[in-house]
Amino acid sequence: MLVTPDSFNVCNQEAASVLSQGVWIYHWLEMTNQLYLAGTTNYRYHWIASLFESNLSPQAIKYQRMLAQRGELPLFARADLTDFWSAVEVQFRIGGWGYMSAISEVMQAVNPEPSLGKNVVDIALDSGFAMAVRAKLGREPHRVVLLCPTNYLGESAYFASLLKQRQGLNCEVVLINDWEEEIRDADFIYRRELNLPMLAESPTGRKLIERNLRGEVAIEPPLNVIFDQKLAMAFPFHPKLKTLFNDHDRALFAPTHILDHLLDLPRWADDEIVYKYAGSLMKLSFGSRQVWRLDPFSNSRWTTIHRCYDDLALSGQPWIIQPYYSPKFPVRYFDQEQESLVEENMHARFMPIYSRNPQTGKICFIGITANFRPHWKVRGASDAVLTDVRIK
């Protein structure tokens, strides 16, 4: 990643907008779970349950409905914003805890002066994580496991070390390929590339689900598949559902549409759009693997839209579309070839993280990081810049 000496500054109004979004993210989640449950018993909403349960085995559907009945919400939510007003996604299987913690600490050392801006949040990510874990269990955890892919091992190990050394948690990292052998005595598991359909395929996975249902092990985010799919972002805008949501729910997201009926495409679909896989297949849904742009003048535009529609109609794999909107911001970084600071206009991803206390329902704002990149698909990469966010 590229190095910058600058924090990203926001005004009070932008900071207030981000701070307020956490409450509405969890309101939207509660509404989504209620709609899913309604779809399991009420024919009027059956299409919602069918969307979420597409490609689940009968055994996975049985578990899914039991999990949804519990009404359990994620401890953590991260909004991914291209500006400070609406999200293009909300993540619950959050990656980069170590990167974001390190960036925050480095920038505090680089820019310690209050005149350079005050912190948007006064709590470290490891502190917010540890408080949420203890509130979830209602006691001191015996063993906390962070599941991660191999290429995230370094940053995950760094975050685990912060949780151990500063927060006193017995925490360790387990590679995703080793989960069956390494998580048996854990009482709190933070998962990444592992979900309900995958667990339901194996005897060991089914035992883990059943332990979770009995309250013997906490799994974060909960295994309810609505937290692993992008479908629900479209619900506040859906013609059949929008009266059930309020303007605060709609303000959370860029306009989002499920590709379920070609005749009902919104007017903005004639412009440049982004289309995203919205189902639960991990090989397609993890990160930004199936997120693409469609130019309004592309020869393949309608072929692509028809293919997404057919994926749902023929194989149960849903896709969503959103208007393409990705403003650029001037960013300084150290260029190793020139051995000097250079400035470039880059696309942005602002990543506020919220936590919810499961005992009280209180929503806390526990961190925010700014991510910049020359490419419109902003993520952690060798050409990306990460920094902290401050109010000035």
Protein backbone atom coordinates (compact mmCIF):
# COMPACT_ATOMS: atom_id res chain seq x y z
CA MET A 1 0.00 0.00 0.00
CA LEU A 2 1.01 3.62 -0.53
CA VAL A 3 1.91 5.92 2.35
CA THR A 4 0.40 9.35 2.97
CA PRO A 5 1.30 11.95 5.61
CA ASP A 6 -2.24 13.36 5.58
CA SER A 7 -5.37 12.55 7.52
CA PHE A 8 -8.64 12.97 5.61
CA ASN A 9 -10.63 15.88 7.03
CA VAL A 10 -14.42 16.15 7.12
CA CYS A 11 -16.75 18.86 8.36
CA ASN A 12 -19.10 18.53 11.35
CA GLN A 13 -22.10 17.91 9.08
CA GLU A 14 -20.37 15.02 7.27
CA ALA A 15 -19.26 13.51 10.58
CA ALA A 16 -22.78 13.81 12.02
CA SER A 17 -24.20 12.05 8.94
CA VAL A 18 -21.87 9.09 9.40
CA LEU A 19 -22.46 8.92 13.14
CA SER A 20 -26.25 8.75 12.69
CA GLN A 21 -26.23 5.98 10.10
CA GLY A 22 -25.51 3.16 12.53
CA VAL A 23 -28.96 3.31 14.14
CA TRP A 24 -30.67 3.09 10.76
CA ILE A 25 -28.45 0.26 9.53
CA TYR A 26 -29.68 -1.89 12.41
CA HIS A 27 -33.28 -0.76 11.88
CA TRP A 28 -33.00 -1.86 8.23
CA LEU A 29 -31.56 -5.22 9.34
CA GLU A 30 -34.39 -5.85 11.79
CA MET A 31 -36.96 -5.04 9.10
CA THR A 32 -35.20 -7.35 6.64
CA ASN A 33 -35.24 -10.28 9.06
CA GLN A 34 -38.93 -9.68 9.80
CA LEU A 35 -39.71 -9.67 6.07
CA TYR A 36 -37.75 -12.87 5.56
CA LEU A 37 -39.65 -14.57 8.39
CA ALA A 38 -42.94 -13.31 6.97
CA GLY A 39 -41.93 -14.90 3.67
CA THR A 40 -41.63 -18.31 5.31
CA THR A 41 -45.32 -18.30 6.34
CA ASN A 42 -47.13 -15.60 4.32
CA TYR A 43 -47.63 -16.21 0.60
CA ARG A 44 -47.59 -12.46 -0.07
CA TYR A 45 -43.91 -12.31 0.95
CA HIS A 46 -42.91 -15.80 -0.12
CA TRP A 47 -40.75 -14.39 -2.92
CA ILE A 48 -38.47 -12.79 -0.29
CA ALA A 49 -37.81 -16.10 1.46
CA SER A 50 -37.28 -17.75 -1.93
CA LEU A 51 -34.63 -15.18 -2.88
CA PHE A 52 -32.68 -15.62 0.35
CA GLU A 53 -33.01 -19.42 0.31
CA SER A 54 -32.04 -19.88 -3.32
CA ASN A 55 -29.51 -22.69 -3.67
CA LEU A 56 -29.75 -23.68 0.00
CA SER A 57 -30.11 -27.38 0.68
CA PRO A 58 -33.22 -28.55 2.60
CA GLN A 59 -31.02 -29.03 5.68
CA ALA A 60 -29.57 -25.51 5.32
CA ILE A 61 -33.07 -24.04 4.95
CA LYS A 62 -34.13 -25.77 8.17
CA TYR A 63 -31.16 -24.25 10.02
CA GLN A 64 -31.67 -20.87 8.35
CA ARG A 65 -35.24 -20.56 9.57
CA MET A 66 -34.23 -21.52 13.10
CA LEU A 67 -31.46 -18.91 13.05
CA ALA A 68 -33.78 -16.19 11.74
CA GLN A 69 -36.35 -16.96 14.43
CA ARG A 70 -33.76 -16.02 17.05
CA GLY A 71 -33.66 -12.47 15.66
CA GLU A 72 -29.94 -12.22 16.39
CA LEU A 73 -28.23 -9.20 14.79
CA PRO A 74 -24.54 -8.76 13.98
CA LEU A 75 -22.29 -7.20 16.59
CA PHE A 76 -20.52 -5.18 13.90
CA ALA A 77 -21.47 -3.43 10.68
CA ARG A 78 -19.24 -1.52 8.27
CA ALA A 79 -20.69 0.83 5.69
CA ASP A 80 -18.72 1.29 2.47
CA LEU A 81 -19.33 4.82 1.17
CA THR A 82 -18.05 6.59 -1.93
CA ASP A 83 -18.86 9.91 -0.24
CA PHE A 84 -20.23 10.74 3.20
CA TRP A 85 -23.94 10.47 2.41
CA SER A 86 -24.91 6.99 1.20
CA ALA A 87 -23.41 3.50 1.14
CA VAL A 88 -22.87 1.25 -1.84
CA GLU A 89 -22.64 -1.74 0.52
CA VAL A 90 -22.80 -2.72 4.18
CA GLN A 91 -20.41 -5.43 5.33
CA PHE A 92 -20.80 -7.78 8.30
CA ARG A 93 -17.96 -10.24 7.59
CA ILE A 94 -15.54 -7.36 7.98
CA GLY A 95 -11.94 -7.69 6.88
CA GLY A 96 -9.00 -5.42 7.57
CA TRP A 97 -9.33 -4.97 11.34
CA GLY A 98 -5.54 -5.13 11.62
CA TYR A 99 -4.91 -2.75 8.73
CA MET A 100 -7.40 -0.21 10.05
CA SER A 101 -6.00 -0.42 13.59
CA ALA A 102 -2.44 0.05 12.34
CA ILE A 103 -3.36 2.99 10.11
CA SER A 104 -5.14 4.74 12.99
CA GLU A 105 -2.15 4.34 15.30
CA VAL A 106 0.40 5.43 12.69
CA MET A 107 -1.58 8.54 11.76
CA GLN A 108 -1.97 9.48 15.43
CA ALA A 109 1.81 9.39 15.68
CA VAL A 110 2.35 11.28 12.41
CA ASN A 111 -0.30 13.94 13.09
CA PRO A 112 -0.66 14.26 16.87
CA GLU A 113 -1.50 17.97 16.89
CA PRO A 114 -5.17 18.85 17.64
CA SER A 115 -4.90 21.67 15.08
CA LEU A 116 -4.74 18.98 12.37
CA GLY A 117 -8.25 17.83 13.25
CA LYS A 118 -9.96 15.99 16.08
CA ASN A 119 -10.77 12.30 15.99
CA VAL A 120 -14.23 11.32 14.78
CA VAL A 121 -14.17 8.52 17.37
CA ASP A 122 -12.24 8.34 20.64
CA ILE A 123 -12.05 4.56 20.99
CA ALA A 124 -9.58 2.11 19.45
CA LEU A 125 -10.96 -0.68 17.25
CA ASP A 126 -9.55 -3.41 19.49
CA SER A 127 -11.29 -1.85 22.50
CA GLY A 128 -14.62 -1.66 20.66
CA PHE A 129 -14.26 -5.26 19.45
CA ALA A 130 -13.42 -6.60 22.91
CA MET A 131 -16.30 -4.76 24.60
CA ALA A 132 -18.75 -6.15 22.05
CA VAL A 133 -17.48 -9.73 22.47
CA ARG A 134 -17.82 -9.56 26.25
CA ALA A 135 -21.30 -8.05 25.98
CA LYS A 136 -22.31 -10.81 23.56
CA LEU A 137 -21.20 -13.62 25.88
CA GLY A 138 -22.13 -11.88 29.11
CA ARG A 139 -18.83 -13.08 30.59
CA GLU A 140 -15.12 -13.34 29.88
CA PRO A 141 -14.59 -15.47 26.73
CA HIS A 142 -12.64 -18.70 27.06
CA ARG A 143 -11.15 -18.65 23.54
CA VAL A 144 -11.77 -16.19 20.69
CA VAL A 145 -10.95 -17.36 17.16
CA LEU A 146 -10.54 -15.10 14.13
CA LEU A 147 -11.04 -17.15 10.96
CA CYS A 148 -9.20 -15.75 7.97
CA PRO A 149 -7.96 -16.61 4.46
CA THR A 150 -4.21 -17.17 4.04
CA ASN A 151 -3.58 -13.81 2.36
CA TYR A 152 -5.06 -11.99 5.38
CA LEU A 153 -2.96 -13.84 7.96
CA GLY A 154 -0.53 -11.01 8.74
CA GLU A 155 -3.08 -8.28 9.41
CA SER A 156 -5.37 -10.68 11.30
CA ALA A 157 -2.47 -11.80 13.50
CA TYR A 158 -1.67 -8.16 14.28
CA PHE A 159 -5.25 -7.49 15.36
CA ALA A 160 -5.27 -10.69 17.46
CA SER A 161 -2.10 -9.46 19.19
CA LEU A 162 -3.82 -6.16 20.07
CA LEU A 163 -6.79 -8.06 21.51
CA LYS A 164 -4.42 -10.20 23.59
CA GLN A 165 -1.99 -7.57 24.80
CA ARG A 166 -4.24 -4.56 25.28
CA GLN A 167 -7.66 -6.10 25.89
CA GLY A 168 -6.75 -9.34 27.67
CA LEU A 169 -8.67 -11.61 25.30
CA ASN A 170 -7.43 -15.14 24.70
CA CYS A 171 -7.52 -14.66 20.93
CA GLU A 172 -5.86 -16.46 18.04
CA VAL A 173 -6.06 -16.63 14.27
CA VAL A 174 -7.12 -19.83 12.49
CA LEU A 175 -6.74 -20.22 8.74
CA ILE A 176 -10.01 -20.95 6.99
CA ASN A 177 -8.70 -24.28 5.61
CA ASP A 178 -8.03 -25.51 9.15
CA TRP A 179 -11.30 -24.52 10.78
CA GLU A 180 -12.66 -28.04 11.34
CA GLU A 181 -9.70 -29.03 13.52
CA GLU A 182 -8.89 -25.74 15.22
CA ILE A 183 -12.14 -24.25 16.54
CA ARG A 184 -13.57 -27.04 18.68
CA ASP A 185 -13.01 -25.38 22.05
CA ALA A 186 -13.71 -21.80 20.93
CA ASP A 187 -16.66 -20.00 22.48
CA PHE A 188 -16.51 -17.01 20.10
CA ILE A 189 -15.75 -17.34 16.37
CA TYR A 190 -15.36 -14.42 13.99
CA ARG A 191 -15.87 -15.77 10.49
CA ARG A 192 -14.79 -14.60 7.04
CA GLU A 193 -15.02 -17.02 4.08
CA LEU A 194 -17.38 -19.42 5.83
CA ASN A 195 -21.18 -19.36 5.81
CA LEU A 196 -24.26 -21.44 6.55
CA PRO A 197 -24.50 -23.28 3.18
CA MET A 198 -20.87 -24.37 3.49
CA LEU A 199 -21.24 -25.53 7.10
CA ALA A 200 -24.43 -27.45 6.33
CA GLU A 201 -22.54 -29.61 3.83
CA SER A 202 -20.38 -31.44 6.40
CA PRO A 203 -21.03 -33.34 9.66
CA THR A 204 -18.51 -31.12 11.50
CA GLY A 205 -20.18 -28.01 10.13
CA ARG A 206 -23.64 -29.19 11.15
CA LYS A 207 -22.37 -29.89 14.67
CA LEU A 208 -21.03 -26.32 14.83
CA ILE A 209 -24.39 -24.91 13.70
CA GLU A 210 -26.19 -26.95 16.34
CA ARG A 211 -23.73 -25.83 19.04
CA ASN A 212 -24.44 -22.27 17.99
CA LEU A 213 -28.20 -22.83 18.14
CA ARG A 214 -27.81 -24.26 21.66
CA GLY A 215 -25.85 -21.18 22.74
CA GLU A 216 -22.60 -23.08 23.32
CA VAL A 217 -20.58 -20.99 20.85
CA ALA A 218 -21.15 -17.48 19.49
CA ILE A 219 -20.54 -16.98 15.77
CA GLU A 220 -20.10 -13.49 14.40
CA PRO A 221 -21.67 -12.38 12.21
CA PRO A 222 -24.62 -14.69 12.90
CA LEU A 223 -25.05 -17.49 10.33
CA ASN A 224 -28.41 -16.11 9.14
CA VAL A 225 -27.87 -15.83 5.36
CA ILE A 226 -29.41 -12.35 5.12
CA PHE A 227 -26.10 -11.04 6.54
CA ASP A 228 -24.10 -12.70 3.74
CA GLN A 229 -26.11 -11.36 0.81
CA LYS A 230 -26.53 -7.95 -0.83
CA LEU A 231 -30.23 -8.37 -1.66
CA ALA A 232 -31.65 -6.41 1.25
CA MET A 233 -30.13 -3.11 0.08
CA ALA A 234 -32.83 -3.08 -2.59
CA PHE A 235 -35.76 -3.55 -0.20
CA PRO A 236 -36.25 0.13 0.84
CA PHE A 237 -36.60 0.97 -2.88
CA HIS A 238 -38.65 -2.07 -3.99
CA PRO A 239 -42.16 -1.16 -5.25
CA LYS A 240 -43.74 -3.89 -3.13
CA LEU A 241 -41.81 -3.05 0.04
CA LYS A 242 -40.84 0.61 0.10
CA THR A 243 -43.85 1.67 2.19
CA LEU A 244 -42.53 -0.60 4.97
CA PHE A 245 -39.29 1.39 5.14
CA ASN A 246 -38.77 5.07 5.88
CA ASP A 247 -36.67 7.81 4.29
CA HIS A 248 -33.86 7.20 6.77
CA ASP A 249 -33.59 3.61 5.52
CA ARG A 250 -33.51 4.79 1.90
CA ALA A 251 -30.92 7.46 2.71
CA LEU A 252 -28.52 4.72 3.83
CA PHE A 253 -27.91 3.42 0.31
CA ALA A 254 -27.41 4.37 -3.27
CA PRO A 255 -30.61 3.41 -5.18
CA THR A 256 -30.53 -0.38 -5.54
CA HIS A 257 -32.62 -2.65 -7.79
CA ILE A 258 -32.93 -6.45 -7.94
CA LEU A 259 -32.68 -7.79 -11.49
CA ASP A 260 -35.86 -9.84 -11.19
CA HIS A 261 -38.00 -8.30 -13.94
CA LEU A 262 -36.61 -6.58 -17.02
CA LEU A 263 -39.76 -4.54 -17.57
CA ASP A 264 -39.38 -2.84 -14.18
CA LEU A 265 -35.90 -1.37 -14.60
CA PRO A 266 -35.59 2.09 -13.03
CA ARG A 267 -34.89 5.11 -15.23
CA TRP A 268 -31.35 5.47 -13.91
CA ALA A 269 -30.55 2.02 -15.38
CA ASP A 270 -30.12 3.76 -18.74
CA ASP A 271 -26.99 5.46 -17.39
CA GLU A 272 -23.71 3.94 -16.24
CA ILE A 273 -24.44 1.29 -13.62
CA VAL A 274 -22.68 -1.18 -11.34
CA TYR A 275 -23.98 -4.73 -11.16
CA LYS A 276 -23.21 -7.07 -8.27
CA TYR A 277 -23.77 -10.69 -7.40
CA ALA A 278 -26.19 -10.63 -4.44
CA GLY A 279 -26.52 -14.28 -3.43
CA SER A 280 -24.82 -16.54 -0.88
CA LEU A 281 -22.26 -18.47 -2.96
CA MET A 282 -19.04 -17.56 -1.16
CA LYS A 283 -16.83 -17.95 -4.23
CA LEU A 284 -18.85 -15.19 -5.91
CA SER A 285 -19.86 -12.98 -2.99
CA PHE A 286 -16.60 -12.58 -1.03
CA GLY A 287 -15.04 -9.14 -1.40
CA SER A 288 -15.55 -7.51 -4.80
CA ARG A 289 -15.15 -10.65 -6.92
CA GLN A 290 -18.40 -10.18 -8.84
CA VAL A 291 -18.81 -6.39 -8.91
CA TRP A 292 -18.70 -4.83 -12.38
CA ARG A 293 -19.41 -1.59 -14.25
CA LEU A 294 -21.62 -1.32 -17.32
CA ASP A 295 -21.11 1.58 -19.68
CA PRO A 296 -24.39 2.95 -21.15
CA PHE A 297 -22.93 2.60 -24.65
CA SER A 298 -21.43 -0.86 -24.25
CA ASN A 299 -22.40 -3.36 -26.95
CA SER A 300 -22.68 -6.07 -24.31
CA ARG A 301 -24.85 -4.02 -21.95
CA TRP A 302 -28.19 -5.70 -22.54
CA THR A 303 -26.63 -9.12 -23.03
CA THR A 304 -25.12 -8.76 -19.55
CA ILE A 305 -28.38 -7.58 -17.97
CA HIS A 306 -30.27 -10.48 -19.58
CA ARG A 307 -27.64 -12.93 -18.31
CA CYS A 308 -28.08 -11.60 -14.74
CA TYR A 309 -31.84 -11.94 -15.08
CA ASP A 310 -31.44 -15.50 -16.37
CA ASP A 311 -29.14 -16.36 -13.46
CA LEU A 312 -32.06 -15.67 -11.12
CA ALA A 313 -34.80 -17.16 -13.27
CA LEU A 314 -32.92 -20.35 -14.18
CA SER A 315 -30.50 -21.04 -11.32
CA GLY A 316 -31.70 -18.89 -8.42
CA GLN A 317 -28.61 -16.65 -8.36
CA PRO A 318 -29.68 -13.01 -7.74
CA TRP A 319 -27.96 -9.85 -8.98
CA ILE A 320 -28.53 -6.21 -8.10
CA ILE A 321 -27.71 -2.96 -9.89
CA GLN A 322 -26.86 0.53 -8.60
CA PRO A 323 -26.06 3.82 -10.33
CA TYR A 324 -22.33 4.27 -10.82
CA TYR A 325 -21.15 7.15 -8.64
CA SER A 326 -17.53 7.45 -7.58
CA PRO A 327 -16.22 10.99 -7.02
CA LYS A 328 -12.48 11.55 -6.78
CA PHE A 329 -10.52 13.27 -4.05
CA PRO A 330 -6.99 14.77 -4.14
CA VAL A 331 -4.63 12.47 -2.25
CA ARG A 332 -0.94 12.89 -1.49
CA TYR A 333 1.31 9.86 -1.21
CA PHE A 334 4.99 9.01 -1.28
CA ASP A 335 6.13 7.83 -4.72
CA GLN A 336 9.05 5.45 -4.26
CA GLU A 337 10.34 5.88 -7.83
CA GLN A 338 10.38 9.67 -7.61
CA GLU A 339 11.31 9.59 -3.92
CA SER A 340 8.95 12.47 -3.25
CA LEU A 341 5.35 13.28 -2.38
CA VAL A 342 2.98 13.39 -5.34
CA GLU A 343 -0.71 14.25 -5.54
CA GLU A 344 -3.32 12.33 -7.51
CA ASN A 345 -7.12 12.40 -7.73
CA MET A 346 -8.38 9.03 -6.53
CA HIS A 347 -11.63 7.15 -6.00
CA ALA A 348 -12.63 6.73 -2.36
CA ARG A 349 -14.11 4.22 0.04
CA PHE A 350 -14.93 5.54 3.52
CA MET A 351 -15.42 2.74 6.03
CA PRO A 352 -17.23 3.64 9.29
CA ILE A 353 -17.65 0.71 11.69
CA TYR A 354 -20.50 0.39 14.18
CA SER A 355 -21.10 -2.05 17.02
CA ARG A 356 -24.35 -3.03 18.69
CA ASN A 357 -24.61 -4.07 22.32
CA PRO A 358 -26.86 -7.19 22.24
CA GLN A 359 -27.93 -6.62 25.86
CA THR A 360 -29.05 -2.99 25.55
CA GLY A 361 -29.42 -2.48 21.79
CA LYS A 362 -27.17 0.59 22.00
CA ILE A 363 -25.31 1.40 18.76
CA CYS A 364 -21.72 2.67 19.11
CA PHE A 365 -19.42 4.17 16.49
CA ILE A 366 -16.05 2.46 16.96
CA GLY A 367 -13.89 3.47 14.01
CA ILE A 368 -13.52 4.89 10.50
CA THR A 369 -10.84 4.57 7.83
CA ALA A 370 -10.49 6.23 4.42
CA ASN A 371 -9.30 4.09 1.49
CA PHE A 372 -8.26 5.67 -1.84
CA ARG A 373 -7.26 4.08 -5.13
CA PRO A 374 -6.79 5.12 -8.79
CA HIS A 375 -9.14 2.28 -9.86
CA TRP A 376 -12.89 2.72 -9.28
CA LYS A 377 -13.06 -0.62 -7.43
CA VAL A 378 -11.50 0.66 -4.21
CA ARG A 379 -9.99 -1.93 -1.88
CA GLY A 380 -6.75 -2.66 -0.07
CA ALA A 381 -4.13 -3.11 -2.80
CA SER A 382 -0.54 -2.17 -3.65
CA ASP A 383 -1.76 1.03 -5.36
CA ALA A 384 -4.15 2.00 -2.53
CA VAL A 385 -3.80 4.68 0.15
CA LEU A 386 -5.30 4.22 3.63
CA THR A 387 -5.55 6.94 6.25
CA ASP A 388 -7.58 8.07 9.25
CA VAL A 389 -10.52 10.50 9.22
CA ARG A 390 -10.75 13.63 11.34
CA ILE A 391 -13.12 16.54 11.89
CA LYS A 392 -11.73 19.95 11.03
